[in-house]
Amino acid sequence: MDFDELKDRLRGFDLSEIKSTWHGFERIQDKRRGINYPKIISLLTSQKGLYKFEEQKARNDNELKFKLWFKINYIYDMNIYIVINEKLLEKGLNRLRIISAHKVKRKIQEQIGKNES
């Protein structure tokens, strides 16, 4: 899947089709992280600041798992891990599950990327 295709898929989700796993809900509501659920939903639906994604291995064969990078401001990025249906279903049957989300400093993220190379 390429970047534009992923953006189109994300645009197609209704708010009723976006759910969080229990793990994701705990991570998002953790006060120390400084993020909240409406902010995550807003980022996913508007795609404002989405600049990178990485496809990961999903648990089930009929799912796709992604790590999404959003620019929040000049210091912080937001990483959101999601799972979506592999095949597009009819309206109301699609689902997007939020597995986890965390805010990271961009400098730290860039250093991690340099060390992996």
N, C-alpha and C. Protein backbone atom coordinates (compact mmCIF):
# COMPACT_ATOMS: atom_id res chain seq x y z
N MET A 1 0.85 -1.17 0.00
CA MET A 1 0.00 0.00 0.00
C MET A 1 0.90 1.24 0.00
N ASP A 2 0.56 2.20 -0.84
CA ASP A 2 1.35 3.43 -0.87
C ASP A 2 0.68 4.51 -0.01
N PHE A 3 1.36 5.64 0.12
CA PHE A 3 0.94 6.71 1.03
C PHE A 3 -0.43 7.28 0.66
N ASP A 4 -0.67 7.55 -0.62
CA ASP A 4 -1.95 8.13 -1.05
C ASP A 4 -3.10 7.15 -0.85
N GLU A 5 -2.83 5.89 -1.09
CA GLU A 5 -3.85 4.85 -0.89
C GLU A 5 -4.24 4.76 0.60
N LEU A 6 -3.26 4.84 1.48
CA LEU A 6 -3.53 4.81 2.91
C LEU A 6 -4.35 6.02 3.33
N LYS A 7 -4.01 7.20 2.81
CA LYS A 7 -4.75 8.41 3.15
C LYS A 7 -6.21 8.30 2.70
N ASP A 8 -6.44 7.73 1.52
CA ASP A 8 -7.81 7.53 1.04
C ASP A 8 -8.58 6.58 1.94
N ARG A 9 -7.92 5.51 2.37
CA ARG A 9 -8.58 4.55 3.28
C ARG A 9 -8.94 5.21 4.61
N LEU A 10 -8.03 6.01 5.14
CA LEU A 10 -8.30 6.69 6.41
C LEU A 10 -9.44 7.69 6.28
N ARG A 11 -9.54 8.36 5.14
CA ARG A 11 -10.61 9.33 4.92
C ARG A 11 -11.98 8.66 4.91
N GLY A 12 -12.05 7.39 4.56
CA GLY A 12 -13.31 6.69 4.41
C GLY A 12 -13.94 6.20 5.70
N PHE A 13 -13.28 6.35 6.83
CA PHE A 13 -13.81 5.85 8.09
C PHE A 13 -14.74 6.85 8.76
N ASP A 14 -15.88 6.35 9.25
CA ASP A 14 -16.78 7.15 10.08
C ASP A 14 -16.29 7.09 11.52
N LEU A 15 -16.75 8.00 12.34
CA LEU A 15 -16.38 7.98 13.75
C LEU A 15 -16.86 6.71 14.44
N SER A 16 -17.98 6.16 13.99
CA SER A 16 -18.51 4.94 14.60
C SER A 16 -17.64 3.72 14.30
N GLU A 17 -16.81 3.79 13.27
CA GLU A 17 -15.96 2.67 12.88
C GLU A 17 -14.58 2.72 13.54
N ILE A 18 -14.28 3.80 14.24
CA ILE A 18 -12.98 3.96 14.90
C ILE A 18 -13.12 3.59 16.36
N LYS A 19 -12.41 2.57 16.77
CA LYS A 19 -12.42 2.09 18.16
C LYS A 19 -11.00 1.98 18.66
N SER A 20 -10.88 1.89 19.96
CA SER A 20 -9.57 1.72 20.57
C SER A 20 -9.54 0.39 21.29
N THR A 21 -8.40 -0.28 21.26
CA THR A 21 -8.25 -1.49 22.07
C THR A 21 -8.09 -1.05 23.52
N TRP A 22 -8.24 -1.98 24.45
CA TRP A 22 -8.09 -1.64 25.86
C TRP A 22 -6.69 -1.10 26.14
N HIS A 23 -5.69 -1.73 25.56
CA HIS A 23 -4.31 -1.27 25.72
C HIS A 23 -4.15 0.16 25.19
N GLY A 24 -4.70 0.39 24.00
CA GLY A 24 -4.63 1.72 23.40
C GLY A 24 -5.34 2.76 24.23
N PHE A 25 -6.51 2.41 24.77
CA PHE A 25 -7.26 3.35 25.59
C PHE A 25 -6.47 3.74 26.84
N GLU A 26 -5.84 2.76 27.48
CA GLU A 26 -5.04 3.06 28.67
C GLU A 26 -3.85 3.95 28.32
N ARG A 27 -3.20 3.66 27.20
CA ARG A 27 -2.04 4.46 26.78
C ARG A 27 -2.44 5.90 26.48
N ILE A 28 -3.55 6.07 25.78
CA ILE A 28 -3.98 7.40 25.38
C ILE A 28 -4.41 8.23 26.59
N GLN A 29 -5.11 7.61 27.53
CA GLN A 29 -5.63 8.35 28.68
C GLN A 29 -4.60 8.56 29.79
N ASP A 30 -3.43 7.99 29.66
CA ASP A 30 -2.37 8.18 30.66
C ASP A 30 -1.98 9.65 30.71
N LYS A 31 -2.15 10.29 31.85
CA LYS A 31 -1.91 11.73 32.00
C LYS A 31 -0.46 12.12 31.73
N ARG A 32 0.47 11.23 32.00
CA ARG A 32 1.89 11.54 31.80
C ARG A 32 2.24 11.71 30.33
N ARG A 33 1.46 11.11 29.46
CA ARG A 33 1.75 11.18 28.02
C ARG A 33 1.33 12.51 27.41
N GLY A 34 0.41 13.22 28.04
CA GLY A 34 -0.01 14.53 27.55
C GLY A 34 -0.80 14.48 26.25
N ILE A 35 -1.51 13.37 26.00
CA ILE A 35 -2.35 13.27 24.80
C ILE A 35 -3.74 12.85 25.24
N ASN A 36 -4.72 13.03 24.37
CA ASN A 36 -6.08 12.60 24.71
C ASN A 36 -6.76 11.99 23.49
N TYR A 37 -7.84 11.30 23.73
CA TYR A 37 -8.55 10.55 22.70
C TYR A 37 -9.08 11.45 21.58
N PRO A 38 -9.72 12.59 21.89
CA PRO A 38 -10.19 13.45 20.80
C PRO A 38 -9.07 13.94 19.88
N LYS A 39 -7.90 14.17 20.42
CA LYS A 39 -6.76 14.60 19.59
C LYS A 39 -6.36 13.49 18.62
N ILE A 40 -6.34 12.26 19.09
CA ILE A 40 -5.99 11.12 18.23
C ILE A 40 -7.02 10.97 17.11
N ILE A 41 -8.30 11.04 17.46
CA ILE A 41 -9.37 10.91 16.47
C ILE A 41 -9.27 12.04 15.44
N SER A 42 -9.00 13.23 15.92
CA SER A 42 -8.85 14.38 15.03
C SER A 42 -7.70 14.18 14.04
N LEU A 43 -6.58 13.69 14.52
CA LEU A 43 -5.43 13.45 13.64
C LEU A 43 -5.77 12.39 12.59
N LEU A 44 -6.44 11.32 13.00
CA LEU A 44 -6.76 10.24 12.07
C LEU A 44 -7.77 10.67 11.01
N THR A 45 -8.77 11.43 11.40
CA THR A 45 -9.81 11.81 10.44
C THR A 45 -9.37 12.96 9.53
N SER A 46 -8.63 13.92 10.06
CA SER A 46 -8.20 15.06 9.24
C SER A 46 -6.90 14.77 8.49
N GLN A 47 -6.07 13.89 9.05
CA GLN A 47 -4.76 13.53 8.51
C GLN A 47 -3.82 14.73 8.46
N LYS A 48 -4.11 15.73 9.25
CA LYS A 48 -3.27 16.92 9.31
C LYS A 48 -1.93 16.56 9.96
N GLY A 49 -0.86 16.78 9.25
CA GLY A 49 0.46 16.49 9.78
C GLY A 49 0.97 15.09 9.51
N LEU A 50 0.18 14.24 8.86
CA LEU A 50 0.63 12.88 8.54
C LEU A 50 1.72 12.97 7.48
N TYR A 51 2.92 12.48 7.80
CA TYR A 51 4.02 12.60 6.85
C TYR A 51 4.73 11.29 6.56
N LYS A 52 4.43 10.23 7.31
CA LYS A 52 5.15 8.98 7.10
C LYS A 52 4.33 7.83 7.67
N PHE A 53 4.50 6.64 7.10
CA PHE A 53 3.88 5.45 7.66
C PHE A 53 4.79 4.26 7.44
N GLU A 54 4.56 3.24 8.25
CA GLU A 54 5.32 2.00 8.14
C GLU A 54 4.34 0.85 8.31
N GLU A 55 4.32 -0.07 7.35
CA GLU A 55 3.46 -1.23 7.46
C GLU A 55 4.14 -2.26 8.34
N GLN A 56 3.38 -2.85 9.25
CA GLN A 56 3.92 -3.84 10.17
C GLN A 56 3.15 -5.14 10.04
N LYS A 57 3.63 -6.18 10.70
CA LYS A 57 2.99 -7.49 10.63
C LYS A 57 1.78 -7.51 11.57
N ALA A 58 0.62 -7.81 11.00
CA ALA A 58 -0.61 -7.90 11.78
C ALA A 58 -0.78 -9.31 12.33
N ARG A 59 -1.56 -9.44 13.38
CA ARG A 59 -1.81 -10.76 13.97
C ARG A 59 -2.66 -11.64 13.07
N ASN A 60 -3.69 -11.06 12.44
CA ASN A 60 -4.61 -11.82 11.60
C ASN A 60 -4.29 -11.58 10.12
N ASP A 61 -4.59 -12.55 9.29
CA ASP A 61 -4.31 -12.46 7.87
C ASP A 61 -5.19 -11.43 7.16
N ASN A 62 -6.38 -11.18 7.69
CA ASN A 62 -7.31 -10.26 7.01
C ASN A 62 -7.19 -8.82 7.52
N GLU A 63 -6.07 -8.49 8.18
CA GLU A 63 -5.87 -7.15 8.72
C GLU A 63 -4.55 -6.56 8.22
N LEU A 64 -4.48 -5.25 8.27
CA LEU A 64 -3.25 -4.50 7.97
C LEU A 64 -2.92 -3.66 9.18
N LYS A 65 -1.66 -3.66 9.59
CA LYS A 65 -1.23 -2.89 10.75
C LYS A 65 -0.25 -1.82 10.29
N PHE A 66 -0.41 -0.61 10.82
CA PHE A 66 0.44 0.51 10.43
C PHE A 66 0.91 1.30 11.64
N LYS A 67 2.08 1.87 11.49
CA LYS A 67 2.57 2.88 12.42
C LYS A 67 2.56 4.19 11.64
N LEU A 68 1.84 5.19 12.15
CA LEU A 68 1.70 6.47 11.48
C LEU A 68 2.46 7.55 12.23
N TRP A 69 3.11 8.44 11.50
CA TRP A 69 3.83 9.57 12.09
C TRP A 69 3.10 10.86 11.74
N PHE A 70 2.75 11.64 12.76
CA PHE A 70 2.12 12.94 12.57
C PHE A 70 3.01 14.02 13.18
N LYS A 71 3.16 15.15 12.48
CA LYS A 71 3.87 16.29 13.05
C LYS A 71 2.87 17.08 13.89
N ILE A 72 3.17 17.23 15.18
CA ILE A 72 2.31 18.00 16.07
C ILE A 72 2.74 19.47 16.08
N ASN A 73 4.00 19.70 16.30
CA ASN A 73 4.59 21.04 16.25
C ASN A 73 6.06 20.89 15.90
N TYR A 74 6.85 21.91 16.08
CA TYR A 74 8.25 21.83 15.66
C TYR A 74 9.12 20.98 16.58
N ILE A 75 8.58 20.58 17.72
CA ILE A 75 9.35 19.74 18.64
C ILE A 75 8.86 18.29 18.65
N TYR A 76 7.54 18.10 18.68
CA TYR A 76 6.97 16.77 18.90
C TYR A 76 6.33 16.16 17.67
N ASP A 77 6.41 14.84 17.60
CA ASP A 77 5.68 14.00 16.66
C ASP A 77 4.73 13.12 17.47
N MET A 78 3.67 12.66 16.82
CA MET A 78 2.76 11.70 17.43
C MET A 78 2.84 10.42 16.61
N ASN A 79 3.12 9.32 17.27
CA ASN A 79 3.12 8.00 16.62
C ASN A 79 1.85 7.28 17.03
N ILE A 80 1.10 6.82 16.03
CA ILE A 80 -0.15 6.11 16.29
C ILE A 80 -0.08 4.76 15.59
N TYR A 81 -0.39 3.71 16.32
CA TYR A 81 -0.40 2.35 15.78
C TYR A 81 -1.86 1.96 15.55
N ILE A 82 -2.19 1.56 14.32
CA ILE A 82 -3.58 1.21 13.99
C ILE A 82 -3.64 -0.13 13.25
N VAL A 83 -4.84 -0.72 13.27
CA VAL A 83 -5.13 -1.92 12.49
C VAL A 83 -6.42 -1.66 11.73
N ILE A 84 -6.41 -1.97 10.43
CA ILE A 84 -7.60 -1.82 9.61
C ILE A 84 -7.87 -3.12 8.86
N ASN A 85 -9.09 -3.26 8.31
CA ASN A 85 -9.42 -4.42 7.49
C ASN A 85 -8.57 -4.40 6.23
N GLU A 86 -8.15 -5.58 5.79
CA GLU A 86 -7.34 -5.66 4.57
C GLU A 86 -8.18 -5.27 3.35
N LYS A 87 -9.39 -5.79 3.27
CA LYS A 87 -10.27 -5.49 2.15
C LYS A 87 -11.32 -4.49 2.60
N LEU A 88 -11.63 -3.56 1.71
CA LEU A 88 -12.63 -2.55 1.98
C LEU A 88 -14.01 -3.20 1.96
N LEU A 89 -14.77 -3.03 3.04
CA LEU A 89 -16.10 -3.60 3.15
C LEU A 89 -17.13 -2.50 2.93
N GLU A 90 -18.40 -2.87 2.96
CA GLU A 90 -19.43 -1.85 2.77
C GLU A 90 -19.49 -0.91 3.99
N LYS A 91 -20.07 0.25 3.78
CA LYS A 91 -20.12 1.30 4.80
C LYS A 91 -20.70 0.75 6.11
N GLY A 92 -20.03 1.03 7.20
CA GLY A 92 -20.48 0.58 8.52
C GLY A 92 -19.84 -0.71 8.98
N LEU A 93 -19.25 -1.47 8.06
CA LEU A 93 -18.62 -2.74 8.44
C LEU A 93 -17.10 -2.63 8.52
N ASN A 94 -16.56 -1.54 8.02
CA ASN A 94 -15.11 -1.32 8.13
C ASN A 94 -14.78 -1.00 9.57
N ARG A 95 -13.53 -1.25 9.95
CA ARG A 95 -13.13 -0.89 11.30
C ARG A 95 -11.68 -0.46 11.32
N LEU A 96 -11.43 0.48 12.21
CA LEU A 96 -10.09 0.97 12.45
C LEU A 96 -9.89 0.88 13.95
N ARG A 97 -8.92 0.09 14.38
CA ARG A 97 -8.64 -0.03 15.81
C ARG A 97 -7.33 0.68 16.13
N ILE A 98 -7.36 1.48 17.17
CA ILE A 98 -6.16 2.17 17.64
C ILE A 98 -5.51 1.28 18.68
N ILE A 99 -4.29 0.85 18.41
CA ILE A 99 -3.58 -0.05 19.32
C ILE A 99 -2.84 0.74 20.38
N SER A 100 -2.16 1.80 19.95
CA SER A 100 -1.38 2.59 20.89
C SER A 100 -1.06 3.94 20.26
N ALA A 101 -0.67 4.88 21.09
CA ALA A 101 -0.24 6.19 20.61
C ALA A 101 0.73 6.77 21.62
N HIS A 102 1.72 7.47 21.12
CA HIS A 102 2.62 8.17 22.02
C HIS A 102 3.25 9.36 21.32
N LYS A 103 3.60 10.33 22.13
CA LYS A 103 4.21 11.56 21.66
C LYS A 103 5.71 11.45 21.88
N VAL A 104 6.49 11.78 20.87
CA VAL A 104 7.95 11.69 20.98
C VAL A 104 8.58 12.97 20.47
N LYS A 105 9.76 13.27 21.00
CA LYS A 105 10.51 14.41 20.49
C LYS A 105 11.15 14.02 19.17
N ARG A 106 11.06 14.89 18.20
CA ARG A 106 11.56 14.59 16.86
C ARG A 106 13.06 14.32 16.85
N LYS A 107 13.84 15.03 17.66
CA LYS A 107 15.29 14.81 17.71
C LYS A 107 15.62 13.39 18.14
N ILE A 108 14.90 12.90 19.14
CA ILE A 108 15.13 11.54 19.63
C ILE A 108 14.77 10.54 18.53
N GLN A 109 13.67 10.78 17.85
CA GLN A 109 13.22 9.89 16.78
C GLN A 109 14.25 9.83 15.65
N GLU A 110 14.82 10.98 15.30
CA GLU A 110 15.83 11.02 14.25
C GLU A 110 17.09 10.28 14.66
N GLN A 111 17.49 10.39 15.93
CA GLN A 111 18.67 9.68 16.42
C GLN A 111 18.46 8.17 16.39
N ILE A 112 17.28 7.74 16.72
CA ILE A 112 16.96 6.31 16.66
C ILE A 112 17.07 5.82 15.21
N GLY A 113 16.56 6.60 14.28
CA GLY A 113 16.63 6.24 12.86
C GLY A 113 18.06 6.14 12.36
N LYS A 114 18.94 7.02 12.84
CA LYS A 114 20.34 6.99 12.42
C LYS A 114 21.05 5.77 12.97
N ASN A 115 20.71 5.38 14.19
CA ASN A 115 21.34 4.22 14.83
C ASN A 115 20.92 2.91 14.17
N GLU A 116 19.71 2.87 13.61
CA GLU A 116 19.22 1.64 12.97
C GLU A 116 19.90 1.41 11.63
N SER A 117 20.36 2.46 11.00
CA SER A 117 20.96 2.33 9.66
C SER A 117 22.31 1.69 9.70
